[in-house]
Amino acid sequence: MNWRKSTYSSGGDGDTCVEIAALPAHVAIRDSKAPARAVLSVPAASFAAFIESVKRCSQSTE
């Protein structure tokens, strides 16, 4: 899987974040501090809706 980390990751080495990997119909999510542990997989459409909701909430608090 091709894991990507948010550009908003904090810390000196950017390891305090989650990472995502796009799969054909799902998005895999893991903790960047413990990449060998469990991975959460959600439907791609649900993940996209979640991200859009976060963006809307972020814009309304600015």
PDB file of N, CA and C in Angstrom:
ATOM      1  N   MET A   1       0.833  -1.185   0.000  1.00  0.00           N
ATOM      2  CA  MET A   1       0.000   0.000   0.000  1.00  0.00           C
ATOM      3  C   MET A   1       0.877   1.248   0.000  1.00  0.00           C
ATOM      4  N   ASN A   2       0.397   2.267  -0.639  1.00  0.00           N
ATOM      5  CA  ASN A   2       1.107   3.542  -0.683  1.00  0.00           C
ATOM      6  C   ASN A   2       0.530   4.456   0.396  1.00  0.00           C
ATOM      7  N   TRP A   3       1.192   4.513   1.562  1.00  0.00           N
ATOM      8  CA  TRP A   3       0.700   5.295   2.696  1.00  0.00           C
ATOM      9  C   TRP A   3       1.074   6.758   2.542  1.00  0.00           C
ATOM     10  N   ARG A   4       0.125   7.640   2.877  1.00  0.00           N
ATOM     11  CA  ARG A   4       0.363   9.088   2.828  1.00  0.00           C
ATOM     12  C   ARG A   4       0.039   9.680   4.188  1.00  0.00           C
ATOM     13  N   LYS A   5       0.816  10.671   4.551  1.00  0.00           N
ATOM     14  CA  LYS A   5       0.632  11.352   5.821  1.00  0.00           C
ATOM     15  C   LYS A   5       0.194  12.787   5.556  1.00  0.00           C
ATOM     16  N   SER A   6      -0.630  13.311   6.426  1.00  0.00           N
ATOM     17  CA  SER A   6      -1.108  14.677   6.283  1.00  0.00           C
ATOM     18  C   SER A   6       0.037  15.676   6.324  1.00  0.00           C
ATOM     19  N   THR A   7      -0.098  16.736   5.552  1.00  0.00           N
ATOM     20  CA  THR A   7       0.891  17.812   5.605  1.00  0.00           C
ATOM     21  C   THR A   7       0.762  18.585   6.910  1.00  0.00           C
ATOM     22  N   TYR A   8      -0.300  18.342   7.664  1.00  0.00           N
ATOM     23  CA  TYR A   8      -0.500  18.996   8.960  1.00  0.00           C
ATOM     24  C   TYR A   8       0.101  18.192  10.105  1.00  0.00           C
ATOM     25  N   SER A   9       0.837  17.130   9.811  1.00  0.00           N
ATOM     26  CA  SER A   9       1.457  16.326  10.862  1.00  0.00           C
ATOM     27  C   SER A   9       2.347  17.198  11.721  1.00  0.00           C
ATOM     28  N   SER A  10       2.308  16.938  13.019  1.00  0.00           N
ATOM     29  CA  SER A  10       3.124  17.739  13.927  1.00  0.00           C
ATOM     30  C   SER A  10       4.312  16.924  14.421  1.00  0.00           C
ATOM     31  N   GLY A  11       5.164  17.581  15.168  1.00  0.00           N
ATOM     32  CA  GLY A  11       6.331  16.909  15.718  1.00  0.00           C
ATOM     33  C   GLY A  11       7.541  17.056  14.820  1.00  0.00           C
ATOM     34  N   GLY A  12       8.692  16.826  15.388  1.00  0.00           N
ATOM     35  CA  GLY A  12       9.933  16.984  14.651  1.00  0.00           C
ATOM     36  C   GLY A  12      10.046  16.095  13.439  1.00  0.00           C
ATOM     37  N   ASP A  13       9.573  14.858  13.572  1.00  0.00           N
ATOM     38  CA  ASP A  13       9.666  13.955  12.427  1.00  0.00           C
ATOM     39  C   ASP A  13       8.296  13.634  11.839  1.00  0.00           C
ATOM     40  N   GLY A  14       7.266  14.373  12.258  1.00  0.00           N
ATOM     41  CA  GLY A  14       5.938  14.206  11.690  1.00  0.00           C
ATOM     42  C   GLY A  14       5.296  12.864  11.970  1.00  0.00           C
ATOM     43  N   ASP A  15       5.570  12.285  13.148  1.00  0.00           N
ATOM     44  CA  ASP A  15       5.042  10.954  13.426  1.00  0.00           C
ATOM     45  C   ASP A  15       3.817  10.972  14.335  1.00  0.00           C
ATOM     46  N   THR A  16       3.205  12.122  14.556  1.00  0.00           N
ATOM     47  CA  THR A  16       2.037  12.192  15.421  1.00  0.00           C
ATOM     48  C   THR A  16       0.792  12.429  14.592  1.00  0.00           C
ATOM     49  N   CYS A  17       0.522  11.516  13.712  1.00  0.00           N
ATOM     50  CA  CYS A  17      -0.586  11.686  12.789  1.00  0.00           C
ATOM     51  C   CYS A  17      -1.097  10.325  12.351  1.00  0.00           C
ATOM     52  N   VAL A  18      -2.174  10.338  11.603  1.00  0.00           N
ATOM     53  CA  VAL A  18      -2.629   9.115  10.955  1.00  0.00           C
ATOM     54  C   VAL A  18      -2.145   9.133   9.519  1.00  0.00           C
ATOM     55  N   GLU A  19      -2.078   7.971   8.939  1.00  0.00           N
ATOM     56  CA  GLU A  19      -1.706   7.830   7.536  1.00  0.00           C
ATOM     57  C   GLU A  19      -2.869   7.154   6.823  1.00  0.00           C
ATOM     58  N   ILE A  20      -3.019   7.463   5.547  1.00  0.00           N
ATOM     59  CA  ILE A  20      -4.070   6.832   4.757  1.00  0.00           C
ATOM     60  C   ILE A  20      -3.466   6.202   3.508  1.00  0.00           C
ATOM     61  N   ALA A  21      -4.147   5.191   3.032  1.00  0.00           N
ATOM     62  CA  ALA A  21      -3.768   4.542   1.770  1.00  0.00           C
ATOM     63  C   ALA A  21      -5.055   4.291   0.989  1.00  0.00           C
ATOM     64  N   ALA A  22      -5.079   4.730  -0.250  1.00  0.00           N
ATOM     65  CA  ALA A  22      -6.251   4.531  -1.097  1.00  0.00           C
ATOM     66  C   ALA A  22      -6.237   3.126  -1.676  1.00  0.00           C
ATOM     67  N   LEU A  23      -7.333   2.436  -1.524  1.00  0.00           N
ATOM     68  CA  LEU A  23      -7.539   1.113  -2.097  1.00  0.00           C
ATOM     69  C   LEU A  23      -8.644   1.240  -3.147  1.00  0.00           C
ATOM     70  N   PRO A  24      -8.900   0.214  -3.944  1.00  0.00           N
ATOM     71  CA  PRO A  24      -9.912   0.352  -4.998  1.00  0.00           C
ATOM     72  C   PRO A  24     -11.275   0.860  -4.513  1.00  0.00           C
ATOM     73  N   ALA A  25     -11.793   0.339  -3.431  1.00  0.00           N
ATOM     74  CA  ALA A  25     -13.117   0.758  -2.958  1.00  0.00           C
ATOM     75  C   ALA A  25     -13.115   1.259  -1.525  1.00  0.00           C
ATOM     76  N   HIS A  26     -11.964   1.252  -0.886  1.00  0.00           N
ATOM     77  CA  HIS A  26     -11.860   1.636   0.513  1.00  0.00           C
ATOM     78  C   HIS A  26     -10.669   2.563   0.735  1.00  0.00           C
ATOM     79  N   VAL A  27     -10.617   3.140   1.930  1.00  0.00           N
ATOM     80  CA  VAL A  27      -9.461   3.896   2.373  1.00  0.00           C
ATOM     81  C   VAL A  27      -8.970   3.227   3.649  1.00  0.00           C
ATOM     82  N   ALA A  28      -7.696   2.893   3.689  1.00  0.00           N
ATOM     83  CA  ALA A  28      -7.092   2.293   4.870  1.00  0.00           C
ATOM     84  C   ALA A  28      -6.492   3.408   5.711  1.00  0.00           C
ATOM     85  N   ILE A  29      -6.645   3.288   7.033  1.00  0.00           N
ATOM     86  CA  ILE A  29      -6.173   4.308   7.961  1.00  0.00           C
ATOM     87  C   ILE A  29      -5.366   3.612   9.041  1.00  0.00           C
ATOM     88  N   ARG A  30      -4.203   4.188   9.382  1.00  0.00           N
ATOM     89  CA  ARG A  30      -3.390   3.613  10.454  1.00  0.00           C
ATOM     90  C   ARG A  30      -2.721   4.729  11.258  1.00  0.00           C
ATOM     91  N   ASP A  31      -2.271   4.373  12.436  1.00  0.00           N
ATOM     92  CA  ASP A  31      -1.561   5.299  13.322  1.00  0.00           C
ATOM     93  C   ASP A  31      -0.100   5.347  12.881  1.00  0.00           C
ATOM     94  N   SER A  32       0.412   6.529  12.569  1.00  0.00           N
ATOM     95  CA  SER A  32       1.790   6.633  12.087  1.00  0.00           C
ATOM     96  C   SER A  32       2.816   6.262  13.154  1.00  0.00           C
ATOM     97  N   LYS A  33       2.426   6.328  14.431  1.00  0.00           N
ATOM     98  CA  LYS A  33       3.356   5.954  15.504  1.00  0.00           C
ATOM     99  C   LYS A  33       3.442   4.443  15.674  1.00  0.00           C
ATOM    100  N   ALA A  34       2.439   3.716  15.164  1.00  0.00           N
ATOM    101  CA  ALA A  34       2.401   2.265  15.313  1.00  0.00           C
ATOM    102  C   ALA A  34       1.927   1.631  14.009  1.00  0.00           C
ATOM    103  N   PRO A  35       2.702   1.773  12.940  1.00  0.00           N
ATOM    104  CA  PRO A  35       2.254   1.308  11.623  1.00  0.00           C
ATOM    105  C   PRO A  35       2.058  -0.206  11.514  1.00  0.00           C
ATOM    106  N   ALA A  36       2.657  -0.982  12.395  1.00  0.00           N
ATOM    107  CA  ALA A  36       2.515  -2.434  12.326  1.00  0.00           C
ATOM    108  C   ALA A  36       1.241  -2.925  13.011  1.00  0.00           C
ATOM    109  N   ARG A  37       0.568  -2.040  13.724  1.00  0.00           N
ATOM    110  CA  ARG A  37      -0.666  -2.426  14.406  1.00  0.00           C
ATOM    111  C   ARG A  37      -1.834  -2.443  13.437  1.00  0.00           C
ATOM    112  N   ALA A  38      -3.015  -2.559  13.967  1.00  0.00           N
ATOM    113  CA  ALA A  38      -4.233  -2.710  13.167  1.00  0.00           C
ATOM    114  C   ALA A  38      -4.458  -1.538  12.212  1.00  0.00           C
ATOM    115  N   VAL A  39      -5.117  -1.859  11.117  1.00  0.00           N
ATOM    116  CA  VAL A  39      -5.496  -0.882  10.099  1.00  0.00           C
ATOM    117  C   VAL A  39      -7.016  -0.839  10.050  1.00  0.00           C
ATOM    118  N   LEU A  40      -7.566   0.355  10.005  1.00  0.00           N
ATOM    119  CA  LEU A  40      -9.001   0.548   9.849  1.00  0.00           C
ATOM    120  C   LEU A  40      -9.279   0.782   8.379  1.00  0.00           C
ATOM    121  N   SER A  41     -10.269   0.106   7.842  1.00  0.00           N
ATOM    122  CA  SER A  41     -10.634   0.267   6.445  1.00  0.00           C
ATOM    123  C   SER A  41     -12.083   0.741   6.373  1.00  0.00           C
ATOM    124  N   VAL A  42     -12.325   1.825   5.639  1.00  0.00           N
ATOM    125  CA  VAL A  42     -13.674   2.368   5.493  1.00  0.00           C
ATOM    126  C   VAL A  42     -13.976   2.542   4.006  1.00  0.00           C
ATOM    127  N   PRO A  43     -15.257   2.505   3.640  1.00  0.00           N
ATOM    128  CA  PRO A  43     -15.605   2.733   2.234  1.00  0.00           C
ATOM    129  C   PRO A  43     -15.124   4.111   1.781  1.00  0.00           C
ATOM    130  N   ALA A  44     -14.631   4.188   0.556  1.00  0.00           N
ATOM    131  CA  ALA A  44     -14.076   5.441   0.035  1.00  0.00           C
ATOM    132  C   ALA A  44     -15.098   6.574   0.078  1.00  0.00           C
ATOM    133  N   ALA A  45     -16.342   6.297  -0.253  1.00  0.00           N
ATOM    134  CA  ALA A  45     -17.374   7.339  -0.239  1.00  0.00           C
ATOM    135  C   ALA A  45     -17.607   7.873   1.172  1.00  0.00           C
ATOM    136  N   SER A  46     -17.569   7.012   2.168  1.00  0.00           N
ATOM    137  CA  SER A  46     -17.746   7.443   3.553  1.00  0.00           C
ATOM    138  C   SER A  46     -16.576   8.305   4.007  1.00  0.00           C
ATOM    139  N   PHE A  47     -15.371   7.921   3.605  1.00  0.00           N
ATOM    140  CA  PHE A  47     -14.193   8.702   3.975  1.00  0.00           C
ATOM    141  C   PHE A  47     -14.244  10.082   3.322  1.00  0.00           C
ATOM    142  N   ALA A  48     -14.653  10.134   2.065  1.00  0.00           N
ATOM    143  CA  ALA A  48     -14.762  11.418   1.363  1.00  0.00           C
ATOM    144  C   ALA A  48     -15.791  12.318   2.047  1.00  0.00           C
ATOM    145  N   ALA A  49     -16.919  11.749   2.459  1.00  0.00           N
ATOM    146  CA  ALA A  49     -17.940  12.530   3.157  1.00  0.00           C
ATOM    147  C   ALA A  49     -17.410  13.042   4.487  1.00  0.00           C
ATOM    148  N   PHE A  50     -16.649  12.219   5.194  1.00  0.00           N
ATOM    149  CA  PHE A  50     -16.043  12.633   6.462  1.00  0.00           C
ATOM    150  C   PHE A  50     -15.093  13.813   6.245  1.00  0.00           C
ATOM    151  N   ILE A  51     -14.241  13.724   5.250  1.00  0.00           N
ATOM    152  CA  ILE A  51     -13.276  14.793   4.967  1.00  0.00           C
ATOM    153  C   ILE A  51     -14.003  16.084   4.608  1.00  0.00           C
ATOM    154  N   GLU A  52     -15.047  16.005   3.798  1.00  0.00           N
ATOM    155  CA  GLU A  52     -15.815  17.199   3.440  1.00  0.00           C
ATOM    156  C   GLU A  52     -16.465  17.825   4.666  1.00  0.00           C
ATOM    157  N   SER A  53     -16.952  17.006   5.563  1.00  0.00           N
ATOM    158  CA  SER A  53     -17.559  17.507   6.799  1.00  0.00           C
ATOM    159  C   SER A  53     -16.519  18.219   7.667  1.00  0.00           C
ATOM    160  N   VAL A  54     -15.343  17.637   7.768  1.00  0.00           N
ATOM    161  CA  VAL A  54     -14.267  18.262   8.544  1.00  0.00           C
ATOM    162  C   VAL A  54     -13.894  19.612   7.923  1.00  0.00           C
ATOM    163  N   LYS A  55     -13.811  19.667   6.617  1.00  0.00           N
ATOM    164  CA  LYS A  55     -13.485  20.925   5.930  1.00  0.00           C
ATOM    165  C   LYS A  55     -14.530  21.998   6.202  1.00  0.00           C
ATOM    166  N   ARG A  56     -15.825  21.614   6.133  1.00  0.00           N
ATOM    167  CA  ARG A  56     -16.902  22.577   6.392  1.00  0.00           C
ATOM    168  C   ARG A  56     -16.843  23.101   7.816  1.00  0.00           C
ATOM    169  N   CYS A  57     -16.621  22.203   8.783  1.00  0.00           N
ATOM    170  CA  CYS A  57     -16.531  22.607  10.186  1.00  0.00           C
ATOM    171  C   CYS A  57     -15.343  23.513  10.416  1.00  0.00           C
ATOM    172  N   SER A  58     -14.231  23.213   9.754  1.00  0.00           N
ATOM    173  CA  SER A  58     -13.021  24.018   9.898  1.00  0.00           C
ATOM    174  C   SER A  58     -13.250  25.422   9.338  1.00  0.00           C
ATOM    175  N   GLN A  59     -13.932  25.524   8.237  1.00  0.00           N
ATOM    176  CA  GLN A  59     -14.195  26.824   7.610  1.00  0.00           C
ATOM    177  C   GLN A  59     -15.162  27.652   8.438  1.00  0.00           C
ATOM    178  N   SER A  60     -16.091  27.007   9.121  1.00  0.00           N
ATOM    179  CA  SER A  60     -17.080  27.744   9.904  1.00  0.00           C
ATOM    180  C   SER A  60     -16.501  28.283  11.201  1.00  0.00           C
ATOM    181  N   THR A  61     -15.347  27.766  11.633  1.00  0.00           N
ATOM    182  CA  THR A  61     -14.737  28.244  12.881  1.00  0.00           C
ATOM    183  C   THR A  61     -13.639  29.264  12.621  1.00  0.00           C
ATOM    184  N   GLU A  62     -13.358  29.565  11.369  1.00  0.00           N
ATOM    185  CA  GLU A  62     -12.304  30.531  11.043  1.00  0.00           C
ATOM    186  C   GLU A  62     -12.781  31.937  11.212  1.00  0.00           C
TER     187      GLU A  62
END
